[in-house]
Amino acid sequence: MVSGASDGSQVRRGLQNCEFVVVEDVFESETSHSADVHLPGVTFAEKTGTFTNTERRVQMVRQAIPPQAEARPDWKIITELARRIKPDGADGEHGAWDYADTSQIMAEVAALTPIYAGISHDRLEHGDCPHWPVKNVSHPGTPILSVESFTGARCRFTPVEHD
């Protein structure tokens, strides 16, 4: 589902054309009315883990209140689905979906994603909130991503007059 889609009727038609719709959300919404299955997620206050904001800063959040009713943290919902899809587990070192907590998930993300290589729950628990990429455990993070030039594609800036 595309959040903030400007054409609600197009989204509704798309959902109606889906054979099976699963929604994981905290509150009932227009999208949840189209769902065949609704998985009760939790709010930020009910989970422990990390958030990466639009500034690329990775931050630790800690559970402040227990999940309400039948709600469960995202990682528990996803791991349970993954175990049901592939009950035999992973074929390699990662992806067994057998996590005790979110620190193990962060360790796997760091092992598999170079821009998060130096991020761990331990580092975040000690007050560090680095900007990715964080190349290794001693790297301070990258507050400004492109100083000399843009990575990847070239960009052309065009001035725009506002009324």
C-alpha atoms as a PDB file:
ATOM      1  CA  MET A   1       0.000   0.000   0.000  1.00  0.00           C
ATOM      2  CA  VAL A   2       1.342   3.407  -0.908  1.00  0.00           C
ATOM      3  CA  SER A   3       1.026   5.772   2.024  1.00  0.00           C
ATOM      4  CA  GLY A   4      -0.186   9.247   1.190  1.00  0.00           C
ATOM      5  CA  ALA A   5      -1.364   8.346  -2.299  1.00  0.00           C
ATOM      6  CA  SER A   6      -3.062  11.325  -3.887  1.00  0.00           C
ATOM      7  CA  ASP A   7      -5.698   9.382  -5.792  1.00  0.00           C
ATOM      8  CA  GLY A   8      -7.736   7.421  -3.262  1.00  0.00           C
ATOM      9  CA  SER A   9     -10.051   5.966  -5.886  1.00  0.00           C
ATOM     10  CA  GLN A  10      -7.075   4.486  -7.739  1.00  0.00           C
ATOM     11  CA  VAL A  11      -5.841   2.890  -4.517  1.00  0.00           C
ATOM     12  CA  ARG A  12      -9.307   1.495  -3.746  1.00  0.00           C
ATOM     13  CA  ARG A  13      -9.529  -0.036  -7.257  1.00  0.00           C
ATOM     14  CA  GLY A  14      -6.071  -1.535  -6.801  1.00  0.00           C
ATOM     15  CA  LEU A  15      -7.045  -3.092  -3.482  1.00  0.00           C
ATOM     16  CA  GLN A  16     -10.296  -4.447  -4.949  1.00  0.00           C
ATOM     17  CA  ASN A  17      -8.267  -6.128  -7.713  1.00  0.00           C
ATOM     18  CA  CYS A  18      -6.035  -7.900  -5.200  1.00  0.00           C
ATOM     19  CA  GLU A  19      -6.822 -11.539  -4.598  1.00  0.00           C
ATOM     20  CA  PHE A  20      -5.739 -11.322  -0.955  1.00  0.00           C
ATOM     21  CA  VAL A  21      -4.951  -8.258   1.185  1.00  0.00           C
ATOM     22  CA  VAL A  22      -3.133  -8.295   4.510  1.00  0.00           C
ATOM     23  CA  VAL A  23      -2.836  -5.141   6.595  1.00  0.00           C
ATOM     24  CA  GLU A  24      -0.703  -4.709   9.681  1.00  0.00           C
ATOM     25  CA  ASP A  25      -1.663  -1.531  11.434  1.00  0.00           C
ATOM     26  CA  VAL A  26      -2.336   0.065  14.771  1.00  0.00           C
ATOM     27  CA  PHE A  27      -5.702   1.655  14.017  1.00  0.00           C
ATOM     28  CA  GLU A  28      -8.635   0.872  11.789  1.00  0.00           C
ATOM     29  CA  SER A  29      -8.325   2.726   8.504  1.00  0.00           C
ATOM     30  CA  GLU A  30      -9.874   2.910   5.071  1.00  0.00           C
ATOM     31  CA  THR A  31      -7.211   0.451   3.911  1.00  0.00           C
ATOM     32  CA  SER A  32      -7.983  -2.004   6.708  1.00  0.00           C
ATOM     33  CA  HIS A  33     -11.596  -2.207   5.496  1.00  0.00           C
ATOM     34  CA  SER A  34     -10.241  -3.802   2.297  1.00  0.00           C
ATOM     35  CA  ALA A  35      -8.175  -6.381   4.176  1.00  0.00           C
ATOM     36  CA  ASP A  36      -8.860 -10.086   4.280  1.00  0.00           C
ATOM     37  CA  VAL A  37      -6.567 -10.296   7.295  1.00  0.00           C
ATOM     38  CA  HIS A  38      -5.762  -7.548   9.770  1.00  0.00           C
ATOM     39  CA  LEU A  39      -2.639  -8.060  11.880  1.00  0.00           C
ATOM     40  CA  PRO A  40      -2.663  -5.909  15.013  1.00  0.00           C
ATOM     41  CA  GLY A  41       0.598  -3.971  15.208  1.00  0.00           C
ATOM     42  CA  VAL A  42       1.841  -1.779  18.023  1.00  0.00           C
ATOM     43  CA  THR A  43       2.606   1.907  18.395  1.00  0.00           C
ATOM     44  CA  PHE A  44       6.123   3.286  18.857  1.00  0.00           C
ATOM     45  CA  ALA A  45       5.520   3.351  22.617  1.00  0.00           C
ATOM     46  CA  GLU A  46       4.881  -0.392  22.682  1.00  0.00           C
ATOM     47  CA  LYS A  47       8.069  -1.546  20.953  1.00  0.00           C
ATOM     48  CA  THR A  48      11.828  -1.699  21.336  1.00  0.00           C
ATOM     49  CA  GLY A  49      14.068  -1.353  18.320  1.00  0.00           C
ATOM     50  CA  THR A  50      15.494   1.197  15.959  1.00  0.00           C
ATOM     51  CA  PHE A  51      14.094   3.877  13.711  1.00  0.00           C
ATOM     52  CA  THR A  52      15.926   5.476  10.832  1.00  0.00           C
ATOM     53  CA  ASN A  53      14.510   8.922  10.167  1.00  0.00           C
ATOM     54  CA  THR A  54      14.565  10.895   6.913  1.00  0.00           C
ATOM     55  CA  GLU A  55      17.766  12.559   8.060  1.00  0.00           C
ATOM     56  CA  ARG A  56      19.356   9.042   7.960  1.00  0.00           C
ATOM     57  CA  ARG A  57      19.859   9.133  11.741  1.00  0.00           C
ATOM     58  CA  VAL A  58      19.477   5.753  13.428  1.00  0.00           C
ATOM     59  CA  GLN A  59      17.869   5.973  16.852  1.00  0.00           C
ATOM     60  CA  MET A  60      17.003   3.524  19.596  1.00  0.00           C
ATOM     61  CA  VAL A  61      13.483   3.383  20.987  1.00  0.00           C
ATOM     62  CA  ARG A  62      12.494   1.488  24.091  1.00  0.00           C
ATOM     63  CA  GLN A  63       9.159   0.030  25.004  1.00  0.00           C
ATOM     64  CA  ALA A  64       7.340   2.340  27.417  1.00  0.00           C
ATOM     65  CA  ILE A  65       4.056   0.443  27.776  1.00  0.00           C
ATOM     66  CA  PRO A  66       3.073  -3.171  27.130  1.00  0.00           C
ATOM     67  CA  PRO A  67       1.276  -4.007  23.870  1.00  0.00           C
ATOM     68  CA  GLN A  68      -2.485  -3.616  24.152  1.00  0.00           C
ATOM     69  CA  ALA A  69      -4.929  -6.498  23.639  1.00  0.00           C
ATOM     70  CA  GLU A  70      -3.632  -8.874  20.934  1.00  0.00           C
ATOM     71  CA  ALA A  71      -1.194  -6.416  19.360  1.00  0.00           C
ATOM     72  CA  ARG A  72       2.382  -7.554  18.774  1.00  0.00           C
ATOM     73  CA  PRO A  73       5.576  -5.809  17.683  1.00  0.00           C
ATOM     74  CA  ASP A  74       6.274  -5.790  13.933  1.00  0.00           C
ATOM     75  CA  TRP A  75       9.297  -8.074  14.227  1.00  0.00           C
ATOM     76  CA  LYS A  76       7.282 -10.755  16.024  1.00  0.00           C
ATOM     77  CA  ILE A  77       4.551 -10.638  13.379  1.00  0.00           C
ATOM     78  CA  ILE A  78       7.047 -10.812  10.491  1.00  0.00           C
ATOM     79  CA  THR A  79       9.107 -13.621  12.052  1.00  0.00           C
ATOM     80  CA  GLU A  80       6.000 -15.700  12.684  1.00  0.00           C
ATOM     81  CA  LEU A  81       4.874 -15.222   9.077  1.00  0.00           C
ATOM     82  CA  ALA A  82       8.353 -16.123   7.808  1.00  0.00           C
ATOM     83  CA  ARG A  83       8.458 -19.294   9.911  1.00  0.00           C
ATOM     84  CA  ARG A  84       5.104 -20.336   8.479  1.00  0.00           C
ATOM     85  CA  ILE A  85       6.213 -19.628   4.918  1.00  0.00           C
ATOM     86  CA  LYS A  86       9.512 -21.473   5.322  1.00  0.00           C
ATOM     87  CA  PRO A  87       9.311 -23.692   8.400  1.00  0.00           C
ATOM     88  CA  ASP A  88      12.691 -25.338   7.691  1.00  0.00           C
ATOM     89  CA  GLY A  89      14.525 -22.045   8.317  1.00  0.00           C
ATOM     90  CA  ALA A  90      17.368 -20.524   6.360  1.00  0.00           C
ATOM     91  CA  ASP A  91      19.695 -22.162   3.891  1.00  0.00           C
ATOM     92  CA  GLY A  92      22.633 -20.036   5.073  1.00  0.00           C
ATOM     93  CA  GLU A  93      23.999 -18.205   8.062  1.00  0.00           C
ATOM     94  CA  HIS A  94      21.237 -15.590   8.143  1.00  0.00           C
ATOM     95  CA  GLY A  95      17.487 -15.653   7.784  1.00  0.00           C
ATOM     96  CA  ALA A  96      16.559 -18.396  10.240  1.00  0.00           C
ATOM     97  CA  TRP A  97      13.923 -16.038  11.695  1.00  0.00           C
ATOM     98  CA  ASP A  98      14.799 -17.259  15.176  1.00  0.00           C
ATOM     99  CA  TYR A  99      15.310 -14.014  17.088  1.00  0.00           C
ATOM    100  CA  ALA A 100      15.100 -13.561  20.846  1.00  0.00           C
ATOM    101  CA  ASP A 101      14.958  -9.768  20.566  1.00  0.00           C
ATOM    102  CA  THR A 102      15.510  -6.818  18.248  1.00  0.00           C
ATOM    103  CA  SER A 103      19.243  -6.599  19.005  1.00  0.00           C
ATOM    104  CA  GLN A 104      19.713  -9.864  17.108  1.00  0.00           C
ATOM    105  CA  ILE A 105      17.828  -8.426  14.141  1.00  0.00           C
ATOM    106  CA  MET A 106      20.020  -5.295  14.184  1.00  0.00           C
ATOM    107  CA  ALA A 107      23.127  -7.514  14.262  1.00  0.00           C
ATOM    108  CA  GLU A 108      21.870  -9.353  11.162  1.00  0.00           C
ATOM    109  CA  VAL A 109      21.065  -6.074   9.387  1.00  0.00           C
ATOM    110  CA  ALA A 110      24.595  -4.817  10.187  1.00  0.00           C
ATOM    111  CA  ALA A 111      26.124  -8.045   8.867  1.00  0.00           C
ATOM    112  CA  LEU A 112      24.183  -7.918   5.588  1.00  0.00           C
ATOM    113  CA  THR A 113      23.849  -4.178   4.882  1.00  0.00           C
ATOM    114  CA  PRO A 114      27.128  -2.262   4.491  1.00  0.00           C
ATOM    115  CA  ILE A 115      25.609   1.141   5.344  1.00  0.00           C
ATOM    116  CA  TYR A 116      24.569  -0.239   8.760  1.00  0.00           C
ATOM    117  CA  ALA A 117      27.771  -2.271   9.359  1.00  0.00           C
ATOM    118  CA  GLY A 118      28.857  -0.247  12.395  1.00  0.00           C
ATOM    119  CA  ILE A 119      25.459   0.005  14.097  1.00  0.00           C
ATOM    120  CA  SER A 120      24.440  -2.158  17.029  1.00  0.00           C
ATOM    121  CA  HIS A 121      21.952  -1.952  19.859  1.00  0.00           C
ATOM    122  CA  ASP A 122      24.880  -1.659  22.262  1.00  0.00           C
ATOM    123  CA  ARG A 123      26.191   1.408  20.440  1.00  0.00           C
ATOM    124  CA  LEU A 124      22.748   2.994  20.336  1.00  0.00           C
ATOM    125  CA  GLU A 125      22.097   2.148  24.010  1.00  0.00           C
ATOM    126  CA  HIS A 126      25.164   4.204  24.900  1.00  0.00           C
ATOM    127  CA  GLY A 127      23.610   7.309  23.367  1.00  0.00           C
ATOM    128  CA  ASP A 128      25.080   7.271  19.869  1.00  0.00           C
ATOM    129  CA  CYS A 129      22.623   8.190  17.075  1.00  0.00           C
ATOM    130  CA  PRO A 130      24.765   7.988  13.928  1.00  0.00           C
ATOM    131  CA  HIS A 131      23.731   8.863  10.385  1.00  0.00           C
ATOM    132  CA  TRP A 132      24.179   6.000   7.925  1.00  0.00           C
ATOM    133  CA  PRO A 133      26.413   4.986   6.286  1.00  0.00           C
ATOM    134  CA  VAL A 134      28.318   3.737   9.313  1.00  0.00           C
ATOM    135  CA  LYS A 135      31.074   1.632   7.755  1.00  0.00           C
ATOM    136  CA  ASN A 136      32.345  -0.160  10.893  1.00  0.00           C
ATOM    137  CA  VAL A 137      32.113  -0.088  14.691  1.00  0.00           C
ATOM    138  CA  SER A 138      34.655   2.743  15.010  1.00  0.00           C
ATOM    139  CA  HIS A 139      33.174   4.866  12.189  1.00  0.00           C
ATOM    140  CA  PRO A 140      31.336   7.959  13.526  1.00  0.00           C
ATOM    141  CA  GLY A 141      28.654   7.938  10.858  1.00  0.00           C
ATOM    142  CA  THR A 142      28.125  10.274   7.914  1.00  0.00           C
ATOM    143  CA  PRO A 143      26.134  13.417   8.816  1.00  0.00           C
ATOM    144  CA  ILE A 144      26.537  14.878   5.298  1.00  0.00           C
ATOM    145  CA  LEU A 145      26.123  12.286   2.602  1.00  0.00           C
ATOM    146  CA  SER A 146      27.368  14.130  -0.475  1.00  0.00           C
ATOM    147  CA  VAL A 147      29.995  16.838   0.045  1.00  0.00           C
ATOM    148  CA  GLU A 148      32.071  16.940  -3.139  1.00  0.00           C
ATOM    149  CA  SER A 149      29.582  15.336  -5.489  1.00  0.00           C
ATOM    150  CA  PHE A 150      26.424  13.281  -5.550  1.00  0.00           C
ATOM    151  CA  THR A 151      26.799   9.541  -5.349  1.00  0.00           C
ATOM    152  CA  GLY A 152      25.209   7.787  -8.272  1.00  0.00           C
ATOM    153  CA  ALA A 153      23.296   9.902 -10.771  1.00  0.00           C
ATOM    154  CA  ARG A 154      24.049  13.511 -11.598  1.00  0.00           C
ATOM    155  CA  CYS A 155      21.507  16.112 -10.646  1.00  0.00           C
ATOM    156  CA  ARG A 156      20.527  19.304 -12.362  1.00  0.00           C
ATOM    157  CA  PHE A 157      19.033  22.069 -10.228  1.00  0.00           C
ATOM    158  CA  THR A 158      16.534  24.397 -11.823  1.00  0.00           C
ATOM    159  CA  PRO A 159      15.319  27.562 -10.124  1.00  0.00           C
ATOM    160  CA  VAL A 160      11.573  27.750  -9.682  1.00  0.00           C
ATOM    161  CA  GLU A 161       9.600  30.931  -9.043  1.00  0.00           C
ATOM    162  CA  HIS A 162       6.910  30.684  -6.403  1.00  0.00           C
ATOM    163  CA  ASP A 163       3.823  32.896  -6.441  1.00  0.00           C
END
